[in-house]
Amino acid sequence: MTLLFIDPTNQWRWAQVQAEVIDKTTDGGEEHIDDLSQRYLGQPYADHQADNPRQLVRVRPVRVTGTVDSPE
């Protein structure tokens, strides 16, 4: 999998992490999204879907690339 992060104020600043999936499970997925929602929104997650359970995916980075700011 690849994760790409782009600085919203400067599209030329970015980082990319290429990784391999080493584990995925639905165990604990609903609790995890509730914890994240509580932390960032101050309330439990509002859109649980029994027919589409949340997954937790564990990855191992294999390559990291991106731009580096030049010293001023």
N, C-alpha and C. Protein backbone atom coordinates (compact mmCIF):
# COMPACT_ATOMS: atom_id res chain seq x y z
N MET A 1 0.84 -1.15 0.00
CA MET A 1 0.00 0.00 0.00
C MET A 1 0.89 1.22 0.00
N THR A 2 0.34 2.35 -0.43
CA THR A 2 1.07 3.61 -0.43
C THR A 2 0.24 4.67 0.28
N LEU A 3 0.90 5.40 1.16
CA LEU A 3 0.29 6.56 1.80
C LEU A 3 1.00 7.80 1.27
N LEU A 4 0.25 8.77 0.81
CA LEU A 4 0.82 9.99 0.26
C LEU A 4 0.29 11.18 1.07
N PHE A 5 1.21 11.99 1.57
CA PHE A 5 0.86 13.17 2.35
C PHE A 5 1.34 14.40 1.59
N ILE A 6 0.43 15.33 1.32
CA ILE A 6 0.77 16.56 0.61
C ILE A 6 0.45 17.74 1.50
N ASP A 7 1.41 18.65 1.62
CA ASP A 7 1.21 19.87 2.41
C ASP A 7 0.14 20.72 1.71
N PRO A 8 -0.99 21.01 2.38
CA PRO A 8 -2.05 21.78 1.73
C PRO A 8 -1.66 23.21 1.40
N THR A 9 -0.58 23.72 2.00
CA THR A 9 -0.16 25.09 1.71
C THR A 9 0.95 25.15 0.66
N ASN A 10 1.52 23.97 0.31
CA ASN A 10 2.60 23.94 -0.68
C ASN A 10 2.61 22.55 -1.32
N GLN A 11 2.03 22.42 -2.49
CA GLN A 11 1.91 21.12 -3.14
C GLN A 11 3.25 20.46 -3.46
N TRP A 12 4.34 21.22 -3.42
CA TRP A 12 5.66 20.66 -3.72
C TRP A 12 6.29 20.01 -2.48
N ARG A 13 5.67 20.16 -1.32
CA ARG A 13 6.12 19.48 -0.09
C ARG A 13 5.25 18.24 0.10
N TRP A 14 5.88 17.09 0.09
CA TRP A 14 5.12 15.86 0.20
C TRP A 14 5.98 14.76 0.80
N ALA A 15 5.32 13.73 1.28
CA ALA A 15 5.99 12.52 1.76
C ALA A 15 5.17 11.33 1.31
N GLN A 16 5.87 10.26 0.98
CA GLN A 16 5.20 9.04 0.54
C GLN A 16 5.79 7.87 1.32
N VAL A 17 4.91 7.02 1.85
CA VAL A 17 5.33 5.82 2.56
C VAL A 17 4.77 4.62 1.81
N GLN A 18 5.65 3.78 1.32
CA GLN A 18 5.24 2.53 0.69
C GLN A 18 5.40 1.44 1.74
N ALA A 19 4.38 0.60 1.88
CA ALA A 19 4.39 -0.40 2.94
C ALA A 19 3.71 -1.67 2.49
N GLU A 20 4.02 -2.75 3.20
CA GLU A 20 3.33 -4.01 2.96
C GLU A 20 2.36 -4.26 4.10
N VAL A 21 1.21 -4.78 3.78
CA VAL A 21 0.21 -5.12 4.79
C VAL A 21 0.66 -6.40 5.47
N ILE A 22 0.79 -6.36 6.81
CA ILE A 22 1.22 -7.54 7.53
C ILE A 22 0.08 -8.17 8.34
N ASP A 23 -1.01 -7.43 8.53
CA ASP A 23 -2.14 -7.98 9.27
C ASP A 23 -3.36 -7.10 9.04
N LYS A 24 -4.52 -7.71 8.99
CA LYS A 24 -5.76 -6.94 8.98
C LYS A 24 -6.84 -7.76 9.67
N THR A 25 -7.71 -7.06 10.38
CA THR A 25 -8.75 -7.71 11.15
C THR A 25 -9.91 -6.74 11.37
N THR A 26 -11.07 -7.29 11.62
CA THR A 26 -12.21 -6.46 12.01
C THR A 26 -12.34 -6.41 13.53
N ASP A 27 -11.58 -7.27 14.24
CA ASP A 27 -11.63 -7.28 15.71
C ASP A 27 -11.13 -5.94 16.25
N GLY A 28 -11.97 -5.26 16.99
CA GLY A 28 -11.59 -3.99 17.59
C GLY A 28 -11.78 -2.78 16.69
N GLY A 29 -12.20 -2.99 15.46
CA GLY A 29 -12.35 -1.88 14.52
C GLY A 29 -13.39 -0.86 14.94
N GLU A 30 -14.52 -1.34 15.42
CA GLU A 30 -15.59 -0.42 15.84
C GLU A 30 -15.16 0.41 17.05
N GLU A 31 -14.48 -0.23 18.02
CA GLU A 31 -14.01 0.49 19.20
C GLU A 31 -12.94 1.52 18.82
N HIS A 32 -12.08 1.16 17.88
CA HIS A 32 -11.02 2.07 17.46
C HIS A 32 -11.58 3.33 16.81
N ILE A 33 -12.57 3.18 15.92
CA ILE A 33 -13.14 4.37 15.27
C ILE A 33 -13.91 5.22 16.28
N ASP A 34 -14.52 4.57 17.28
CA ASP A 34 -15.17 5.34 18.35
C ASP A 34 -14.15 6.15 19.14
N ASP A 35 -13.00 5.53 19.46
CA ASP A 35 -11.95 6.24 20.20
C ASP A 35 -11.42 7.43 19.40
N LEU A 36 -11.18 7.22 18.10
CA LEU A 36 -10.68 8.31 17.26
C LEU A 36 -11.70 9.43 17.14
N SER A 37 -12.96 9.08 16.95
CA SER A 37 -14.01 10.08 16.84
C SER A 37 -14.14 10.87 18.14
N GLN A 38 -14.06 10.16 19.25
CA GLN A 38 -14.15 10.84 20.56
C GLN A 38 -12.98 11.81 20.73
N ARG A 39 -11.78 11.37 20.34
CA ARG A 39 -10.59 12.22 20.48
C ARG A 39 -10.68 13.48 19.61
N TYR A 40 -11.07 13.33 18.35
CA TYR A 40 -11.01 14.44 17.41
C TYR A 40 -12.31 15.20 17.24
N LEU A 41 -13.45 14.56 17.51
CA LEU A 41 -14.74 15.23 17.33
C LEU A 41 -15.51 15.41 18.63
N GLY A 42 -15.05 14.74 19.71
CA GLY A 42 -15.70 14.88 21.00
C GLY A 42 -16.99 14.09 21.12
N GLN A 43 -17.19 13.10 20.24
CA GLN A 43 -18.41 12.29 20.29
C GLN A 43 -18.13 10.93 19.66
N PRO A 44 -18.94 9.91 20.00
CA PRO A 44 -18.76 8.60 19.37
C PRO A 44 -19.02 8.67 17.86
N TYR A 45 -18.44 7.73 17.14
CA TYR A 45 -18.63 7.64 15.70
C TYR A 45 -20.10 7.40 15.40
N ALA A 46 -20.65 8.12 14.44
CA ALA A 46 -22.09 8.10 14.22
C ALA A 46 -22.54 7.20 13.06
N ASP A 47 -21.61 6.59 12.33
CA ASP A 47 -22.02 5.89 11.11
C ASP A 47 -21.58 4.42 11.10
N HIS A 48 -21.78 3.72 12.21
CA HIS A 48 -21.47 2.28 12.23
C HIS A 48 -22.39 1.55 11.25
N GLN A 49 -21.82 0.61 10.50
CA GLN A 49 -22.60 -0.16 9.53
C GLN A 49 -22.31 -1.64 9.73
N ALA A 50 -23.30 -2.37 10.23
CA ALA A 50 -23.11 -3.79 10.54
C ALA A 50 -22.71 -4.60 9.31
N ASP A 51 -23.17 -4.21 8.13
CA ASP A 51 -22.85 -4.96 6.91
C ASP A 51 -21.51 -4.55 6.29
N ASN A 52 -20.84 -3.56 6.89
CA ASN A 52 -19.55 -3.07 6.40
C ASN A 52 -18.68 -2.71 7.60
N PRO A 53 -18.18 -3.73 8.34
CA PRO A 53 -17.44 -3.45 9.56
C PRO A 53 -16.09 -2.77 9.30
N ARG A 54 -15.66 -1.96 10.28
CA ARG A 54 -14.37 -1.28 10.20
C ARG A 54 -13.25 -2.30 10.32
N GLN A 55 -12.15 -2.04 9.63
CA GLN A 55 -10.99 -2.92 9.69
C GLN A 55 -9.81 -2.18 10.29
N LEU A 56 -8.99 -2.91 11.03
CA LEU A 56 -7.70 -2.41 11.47
C LEU A 56 -6.66 -3.06 10.58
N VAL A 57 -5.78 -2.23 10.01
CA VAL A 57 -4.75 -2.73 9.10
C VAL A 57 -3.39 -2.35 9.66
N ARG A 58 -2.52 -3.33 9.82
CA ARG A 58 -1.16 -3.10 10.31
C ARG A 58 -0.22 -3.22 9.11
N VAL A 59 0.68 -2.24 8.97
CA VAL A 59 1.58 -2.22 7.83
C VAL A 59 3.03 -2.12 8.29
N ARG A 60 3.94 -2.55 7.41
CA ARG A 60 5.38 -2.42 7.65
C ARG A 60 5.95 -1.53 6.54
N PRO A 61 6.47 -0.35 6.90
CA PRO A 61 7.05 0.52 5.88
C PRO A 61 8.25 -0.15 5.21
N VAL A 62 8.32 -0.01 3.89
CA VAL A 62 9.47 -0.56 3.15
C VAL A 62 10.23 0.53 2.40
N ARG A 63 9.61 1.67 2.20
CA ARG A 63 10.28 2.77 1.51
C ARG A 63 9.60 4.08 1.88
N VAL A 64 10.41 5.09 2.19
CA VAL A 64 9.88 6.42 2.51
C VAL A 64 10.58 7.42 1.61
N THR A 65 9.82 8.22 0.88
CA THR A 65 10.38 9.24 0.00
C THR A 65 9.63 10.54 0.20
N GLY A 66 10.17 11.61 -0.34
CA GLY A 66 9.50 12.90 -0.26
C GLY A 66 10.44 14.04 -0.54
N THR A 67 9.96 15.23 -0.33
CA THR A 67 10.78 16.41 -0.52
C THR A 67 11.35 16.84 0.81
N VAL A 68 12.44 17.56 0.74
CA VAL A 68 13.11 18.08 1.93
C VAL A 68 13.20 19.58 1.76
N ASP A 69 12.83 20.31 2.80
CA ASP A 69 12.96 21.76 2.74
C ASP A 69 14.44 22.14 2.72
N SER A 70 14.78 23.09 1.86
CA SER A 70 16.17 23.56 1.82
C SER A 70 16.40 24.54 2.97
N PRO A 71 17.57 24.51 3.57
CA PRO A 71 17.85 25.45 4.68
C PRO A 71 17.89 26.88 4.16
N GLU A 72 17.39 27.78 4.97
CA GLU A 72 17.36 29.19 4.55
C GLU A 72 18.42 29.97 5.26
